[in-house]
N, C-alpha and C. Protein backbone atom coordinates (compact mmCIF):
# COMPACT_ATOMS: atom_id res chain seq x y z
N MET A 1 44.57 75.45 35.12
CA MET A 1 44.61 76.59 36.02
C MET A 1 45.45 76.21 37.25
N SER A 2 46.36 77.09 37.65
CA SER A 2 47.19 76.84 38.82
C SER A 2 46.38 77.05 40.09
N LYS A 3 46.82 76.37 41.13
CA LYS A 3 46.14 76.47 42.42
C LYS A 3 46.42 77.84 43.05
N LEU A 4 45.38 78.45 43.59
CA LEU A 4 45.52 79.74 44.25
C LEU A 4 46.06 79.56 45.66
N THR A 5 46.90 80.50 46.09
CA THR A 5 47.36 80.55 47.47
C THR A 5 46.25 81.18 48.32
N ASP A 6 46.44 81.18 49.63
CA ASP A 6 45.48 81.87 50.50
C ASP A 6 45.37 83.34 50.11
N PHE A 7 46.50 83.94 49.77
CA PHE A 7 46.50 85.34 49.34
C PHE A 7 45.73 85.49 48.03
N GLY A 8 45.94 84.57 47.11
CA GLY A 8 45.23 84.60 45.84
C GLY A 8 43.73 84.48 46.03
N LYS A 9 43.32 83.60 46.94
CA LYS A 9 41.89 83.44 47.23
C LYS A 9 41.32 84.72 47.84
N ALA A 10 42.10 85.35 48.72
CA ALA A 10 41.64 86.59 49.36
C ALA A 10 41.49 87.71 48.34
N ILE A 11 42.47 87.83 47.43
CA ILE A 11 42.37 88.86 46.39
C ILE A 11 41.18 88.59 45.48
N ARG A 12 41.00 87.36 45.10
CA ARG A 12 39.88 87.02 44.21
C ARG A 12 38.55 87.38 44.87
N LYS A 13 38.40 87.05 46.16
CA LYS A 13 37.17 87.39 46.87
C LYS A 13 36.98 88.90 46.91
N LEU A 14 38.05 89.64 47.19
CA LEU A 14 37.95 91.10 47.22
C LEU A 14 37.59 91.66 45.85
N ARG A 15 38.16 91.08 44.80
CA ARG A 15 37.84 91.55 43.45
C ARG A 15 36.35 91.35 43.16
N ILE A 16 35.80 90.23 43.59
CA ILE A 16 34.37 89.97 43.41
C ILE A 16 33.56 90.95 44.25
N ASP A 17 33.94 91.10 45.53
CA ASP A 17 33.22 92.01 46.42
C ASP A 17 33.23 93.45 45.91
N TYR A 18 34.35 93.86 45.31
CA TYR A 18 34.49 95.24 44.84
C TYR A 18 34.23 95.38 43.34
N ASP A 19 33.67 94.33 42.75
CA ASP A 19 33.24 94.34 41.35
C ASP A 19 34.34 94.82 40.40
N THR A 20 35.50 94.19 40.51
CA THR A 20 36.60 94.48 39.60
C THR A 20 37.21 93.16 39.14
N ASN A 21 37.91 93.18 38.04
CA ASN A 21 38.54 91.95 37.57
C ASN A 21 40.06 92.04 37.68
N LEU A 22 40.72 90.96 37.37
CA LEU A 22 42.17 90.89 37.49
C LEU A 22 42.86 91.98 36.68
N ASN A 23 42.45 92.17 35.44
CA ASN A 23 43.08 93.17 34.57
C ASN A 23 42.91 94.58 35.12
N GLU A 24 41.71 94.90 35.59
CA GLU A 24 41.44 96.24 36.13
C GLU A 24 42.25 96.50 37.40
N LEU A 25 42.27 95.52 38.31
CA LEU A 25 43.02 95.69 39.55
C LEU A 25 44.51 95.82 39.25
N ALA A 26 45.02 94.97 38.39
CA ALA A 26 46.45 95.03 38.05
C ALA A 26 46.81 96.40 37.48
N ALA A 27 46.02 96.89 36.55
CA ALA A 27 46.30 98.20 35.94
C ALA A 27 46.25 99.32 36.98
N SER A 28 45.30 99.24 37.90
CA SER A 28 45.14 100.31 38.88
C SER A 28 46.24 100.32 39.94
N ILE A 29 46.93 99.19 40.14
CA ILE A 29 48.04 99.17 41.10
C ILE A 29 49.40 99.21 40.40
N GLY A 30 49.38 99.31 39.08
CA GLY A 30 50.61 99.50 38.33
C GLY A 30 51.43 98.25 38.06
N VAL A 31 50.76 97.11 37.95
CA VAL A 31 51.46 95.86 37.60
C VAL A 31 50.71 95.21 36.44
N SER A 32 51.36 94.25 35.80
CA SER A 32 50.69 93.54 34.72
C SER A 32 49.73 92.50 35.29
N SER A 33 48.75 92.13 34.49
CA SER A 33 47.82 91.09 34.94
C SER A 33 48.56 89.76 35.10
N ALA A 34 49.59 89.53 34.27
CA ALA A 34 50.38 88.30 34.40
C ALA A 34 51.11 88.26 35.74
N PHE A 35 51.64 89.41 36.16
CA PHE A 35 52.33 89.47 37.45
C PHE A 35 51.35 89.22 38.60
N LEU A 36 50.21 89.89 38.58
CA LEU A 36 49.23 89.71 39.66
C LEU A 36 48.73 88.28 39.70
N SER A 37 48.53 87.68 38.55
CA SER A 37 48.12 86.27 38.49
C SER A 37 49.20 85.38 39.10
N ALA A 38 50.46 85.68 38.80
CA ALA A 38 51.58 84.90 39.35
C ALA A 38 51.66 85.05 40.87
N VAL A 39 51.32 86.23 41.38
CA VAL A 39 51.28 86.43 42.84
C VAL A 39 50.15 85.59 43.43
N GLU A 40 49.00 85.59 42.80
CA GLU A 40 47.85 84.83 43.29
C GLU A 40 48.13 83.33 43.36
N THR A 41 48.96 82.84 42.46
CA THR A 41 49.26 81.40 42.43
C THR A 41 50.57 81.05 43.14
N GLY A 42 51.21 82.05 43.75
CA GLY A 42 52.42 81.79 44.51
C GLY A 42 53.69 81.71 43.69
N LYS A 43 53.61 82.03 42.41
CA LYS A 43 54.80 81.99 41.55
C LYS A 43 55.66 83.23 41.72
N LYS A 44 55.06 84.30 42.21
CA LYS A 44 55.76 85.55 42.53
C LYS A 44 55.46 85.88 43.98
N PRO A 45 56.42 86.50 44.67
CA PRO A 45 56.22 86.79 46.09
C PRO A 45 55.26 87.96 46.33
N VAL A 46 54.62 87.92 47.48
CA VAL A 46 53.75 89.00 47.93
C VAL A 46 54.62 90.01 48.66
N SER A 47 54.45 91.28 48.38
CA SER A 47 55.21 92.31 49.09
C SER A 47 54.25 93.19 49.90
N ALA A 48 54.80 93.82 50.93
CA ALA A 48 54.00 94.75 51.72
C ALA A 48 53.52 95.90 50.85
N GLU A 49 54.36 96.32 49.90
CA GLU A 49 53.98 97.40 48.99
C GLU A 49 52.76 97.01 48.15
N LEU A 50 52.74 95.78 47.68
CA LEU A 50 51.61 95.31 46.88
C LEU A 50 50.33 95.29 47.71
N ILE A 51 50.43 94.81 48.94
CA ILE A 51 49.26 94.78 49.83
C ILE A 51 48.74 96.20 50.05
N THR A 52 49.65 97.14 50.29
CA THR A 52 49.25 98.53 50.52
C THR A 52 48.57 99.12 49.29
N LYS A 53 49.12 98.85 48.11
CA LYS A 53 48.51 99.37 46.88
C LYS A 53 47.11 98.80 46.68
N ILE A 54 46.96 97.50 46.89
CA ILE A 54 45.64 96.88 46.73
C ILE A 54 44.65 97.48 47.73
N ALA A 55 45.08 97.61 48.98
CA ALA A 55 44.21 98.18 50.02
C ALA A 55 43.79 99.60 49.67
N ASN A 56 44.73 100.40 49.17
CA ASN A 56 44.41 101.79 48.82
C ASN A 56 43.48 101.87 47.62
N VAL A 57 43.76 101.10 46.58
CA VAL A 57 42.96 101.15 45.36
C VAL A 57 41.52 100.68 45.62
N LEU A 58 41.38 99.62 46.40
CA LEU A 58 40.04 99.10 46.68
C LEU A 58 39.35 99.84 47.82
N GLY A 59 40.12 100.63 48.58
CA GLY A 59 39.54 101.34 49.72
C GLY A 59 39.15 100.39 50.84
N LEU A 60 40.03 99.43 51.11
CA LEU A 60 39.73 98.42 52.13
C LEU A 60 39.65 99.04 53.52
N ASN A 61 38.76 98.52 54.34
CA ASN A 61 38.74 98.93 55.74
C ASN A 61 39.82 98.15 56.49
N LYS A 62 40.03 98.49 57.76
CA LYS A 62 41.11 97.86 58.54
C LYS A 62 40.95 96.35 58.63
N ASP A 63 39.72 95.88 58.81
CA ASP A 63 39.49 94.43 58.92
C ASP A 63 39.84 93.72 57.62
N GLU A 64 39.42 94.30 56.50
CA GLU A 64 39.72 93.68 55.21
C GLU A 64 41.23 93.68 54.94
N GLU A 65 41.88 94.79 55.28
CA GLU A 65 43.33 94.86 55.09
C GLU A 65 44.05 93.85 55.98
N HIS A 66 43.55 93.69 57.20
CA HIS A 66 44.13 92.70 58.12
C HIS A 66 43.97 91.29 57.56
N LEU A 67 42.80 90.98 57.02
CA LEU A 67 42.57 89.66 56.43
C LEU A 67 43.50 89.42 55.24
N LEU A 68 43.72 90.45 54.43
CA LEU A 68 44.62 90.33 53.29
C LEU A 68 46.06 90.12 53.76
N THR A 69 46.47 90.86 54.77
CA THR A 69 47.81 90.71 55.33
C THR A 69 47.99 89.32 55.93
N HIS A 70 46.96 88.85 56.63
CA HIS A 70 47.03 87.51 57.22
C HIS A 70 47.15 86.45 56.13
N ALA A 71 46.36 86.58 55.08
CA ALA A 71 46.43 85.62 53.97
C ALA A 71 47.82 85.64 53.34
N ALA A 72 48.39 86.83 53.20
CA ALA A 72 49.74 86.94 52.63
C ALA A 72 50.76 86.25 53.53
N SER A 73 50.57 86.39 54.83
CA SER A 73 51.54 85.79 55.76
C SER A 73 51.55 84.27 55.67
N GLN A 74 50.46 83.68 55.20
CA GLN A 74 50.40 82.23 55.05
C GLN A 74 51.24 81.75 53.86
N CYS A 75 51.62 82.68 52.98
CA CYS A 75 52.37 82.34 51.77
C CYS A 75 53.83 82.75 51.85
N ILE A 76 54.20 83.45 52.90
CA ILE A 76 55.54 84.03 53.00
C ILE A 76 56.39 83.22 53.97
N ASP A 77 57.58 82.85 53.52
CA ASP A 77 58.50 82.19 54.44
C ASP A 77 59.76 83.02 54.65
N ASN A 78 59.85 84.14 53.97
CA ASN A 78 61.02 85.01 54.07
C ASN A 78 60.53 86.45 54.06
N VAL A 79 60.96 87.23 55.05
CA VAL A 79 60.50 88.60 55.17
C VAL A 79 61.70 89.54 55.08
N VAL A 80 61.57 90.59 54.29
CA VAL A 80 62.60 91.62 54.19
C VAL A 80 62.10 92.85 54.91
N VAL A 81 62.91 93.36 55.83
CA VAL A 81 62.55 94.56 56.57
C VAL A 81 63.55 95.65 56.20
N ARG A 82 63.05 96.72 55.63
CA ARG A 82 63.91 97.85 55.29
C ARG A 82 63.94 98.80 56.47
N THR A 83 65.13 99.17 56.86
CA THR A 83 65.29 100.07 58.00
C THR A 83 66.01 101.34 57.56
N ASN A 84 65.86 102.38 58.35
CA ASN A 84 66.48 103.67 58.03
C ASN A 84 67.73 103.95 58.84
N THR A 85 67.88 103.27 59.95
CA THR A 85 69.03 103.53 60.82
C THR A 85 69.62 102.21 61.30
N ALA A 86 70.83 102.30 61.81
CA ALA A 86 71.49 101.11 62.37
C ALA A 86 70.71 100.61 63.59
N GLU A 87 70.16 101.53 64.35
CA GLU A 87 69.39 101.14 65.53
C GLU A 87 68.14 100.35 65.14
N GLU A 88 67.44 100.79 64.09
CA GLU A 88 66.27 100.06 63.60
C GLU A 88 66.67 98.68 63.10
N ALA A 89 67.79 98.59 62.39
CA ALA A 89 68.27 97.30 61.87
C ALA A 89 68.59 96.36 63.02
N GLU A 90 69.25 96.88 64.05
CA GLU A 90 69.59 96.06 65.20
C GLU A 90 68.33 95.53 65.88
N LEU A 91 67.34 96.39 66.04
CA LEU A 91 66.09 95.99 66.67
C LEU A 91 65.37 94.93 65.83
N ALA A 92 65.36 95.10 64.52
CA ALA A 92 64.73 94.12 63.63
C ALA A 92 65.42 92.76 63.74
N LEU A 93 66.74 92.76 63.79
CA LEU A 93 67.48 91.50 63.92
C LEU A 93 67.24 90.85 65.28
N MET A 94 67.19 91.66 66.33
CA MET A 94 66.89 91.12 67.66
C MET A 94 65.50 90.48 67.67
N PHE A 95 64.55 91.15 67.04
CA PHE A 95 63.19 90.62 66.96
C PHE A 95 63.17 89.31 66.19
N ALA A 96 63.87 89.26 65.06
CA ALA A 96 63.90 88.05 64.23
C ALA A 96 64.49 86.88 65.01
N ARG A 97 65.58 87.12 65.72
CA ARG A 97 66.18 86.03 66.50
C ARG A 97 65.24 85.57 67.61
N ARG A 98 64.60 86.52 68.25
CA ARG A 98 63.73 86.20 69.38
C ARG A 98 62.48 85.44 68.94
N ILE A 99 61.91 85.85 67.82
CA ILE A 99 60.66 85.22 67.38
C ILE A 99 60.90 83.78 66.92
N GLN A 100 62.14 83.46 66.53
CA GLN A 100 62.46 82.10 66.11
C GLN A 100 62.72 81.17 67.30
N SER A 101 62.88 81.75 68.47
CA SER A 101 63.14 80.93 69.65
C SER A 101 61.83 80.42 70.23
N ASP A 102 61.93 79.44 71.09
CA ASP A 102 60.75 78.88 71.74
C ASP A 102 60.32 79.70 72.95
N SER A 103 61.12 80.70 73.32
CA SER A 103 60.85 81.41 74.57
C SER A 103 59.89 82.59 74.42
N VAL A 104 59.43 82.86 73.22
CA VAL A 104 58.54 84.00 73.03
C VAL A 104 57.08 83.54 72.99
N ASP A 105 56.23 84.28 73.68
CA ASP A 105 54.79 84.01 73.69
C ASP A 105 54.16 84.81 72.56
N LEU A 106 53.87 84.14 71.46
CA LEU A 106 53.38 84.82 70.26
C LEU A 106 52.05 85.52 70.49
N ALA A 107 51.18 84.93 71.29
CA ALA A 107 49.87 85.55 71.55
C ALA A 107 50.04 86.89 72.26
N THR A 108 50.92 86.93 73.25
CA THR A 108 51.17 88.18 73.97
C THR A 108 51.81 89.21 73.06
N LEU A 109 52.77 88.77 72.28
CA LEU A 109 53.45 89.67 71.35
C LEU A 109 52.46 90.24 70.33
N ARG A 110 51.58 89.40 69.83
CA ARG A 110 50.57 89.86 68.86
C ARG A 110 49.70 90.94 69.47
N LYS A 111 49.26 90.76 70.72
CA LYS A 111 48.42 91.76 71.38
C LYS A 111 49.14 93.09 71.49
N ILE A 112 50.42 93.06 71.83
CA ILE A 112 51.21 94.29 71.94
C ILE A 112 51.30 94.99 70.59
N LEU A 113 51.58 94.24 69.55
CA LEU A 113 51.77 94.83 68.22
C LEU A 113 50.47 95.32 67.59
N GLU A 114 49.35 94.73 67.97
CA GLU A 114 48.07 95.14 67.39
C GLU A 114 47.45 96.34 68.10
N GLU A 115 48.05 96.77 69.21
CA GLU A 115 47.53 97.95 69.91
C GLU A 115 47.76 99.18 69.06
N ASP A 116 46.78 100.07 69.05
CA ASP A 116 46.92 101.32 68.28
C ASP A 116 47.54 102.40 69.10
């Protein structure tokens, strides 16, 4: 058995909590059980779309969805941001450059982004 990623562990816990198995969850989100298993073990990448589908199918509350997103972030080293306009793309690139620098206070930035 391959080692589970943090995301894989989080999904497995949610599957147990919501009394569903890998095959049932995979079918309900429209992927194969082999694909979902590969995501759990880090052989396939986690996407925001996959997280959203899992959250919707299981009916996760905000805290559970946040925990799943956090677990996914521990497995991701490359993020793709789809934008609709040149202005959005420019802002995303500015953010990416800034977050990689030492001059940004991540705790403050997190508080701003988590505000509703």
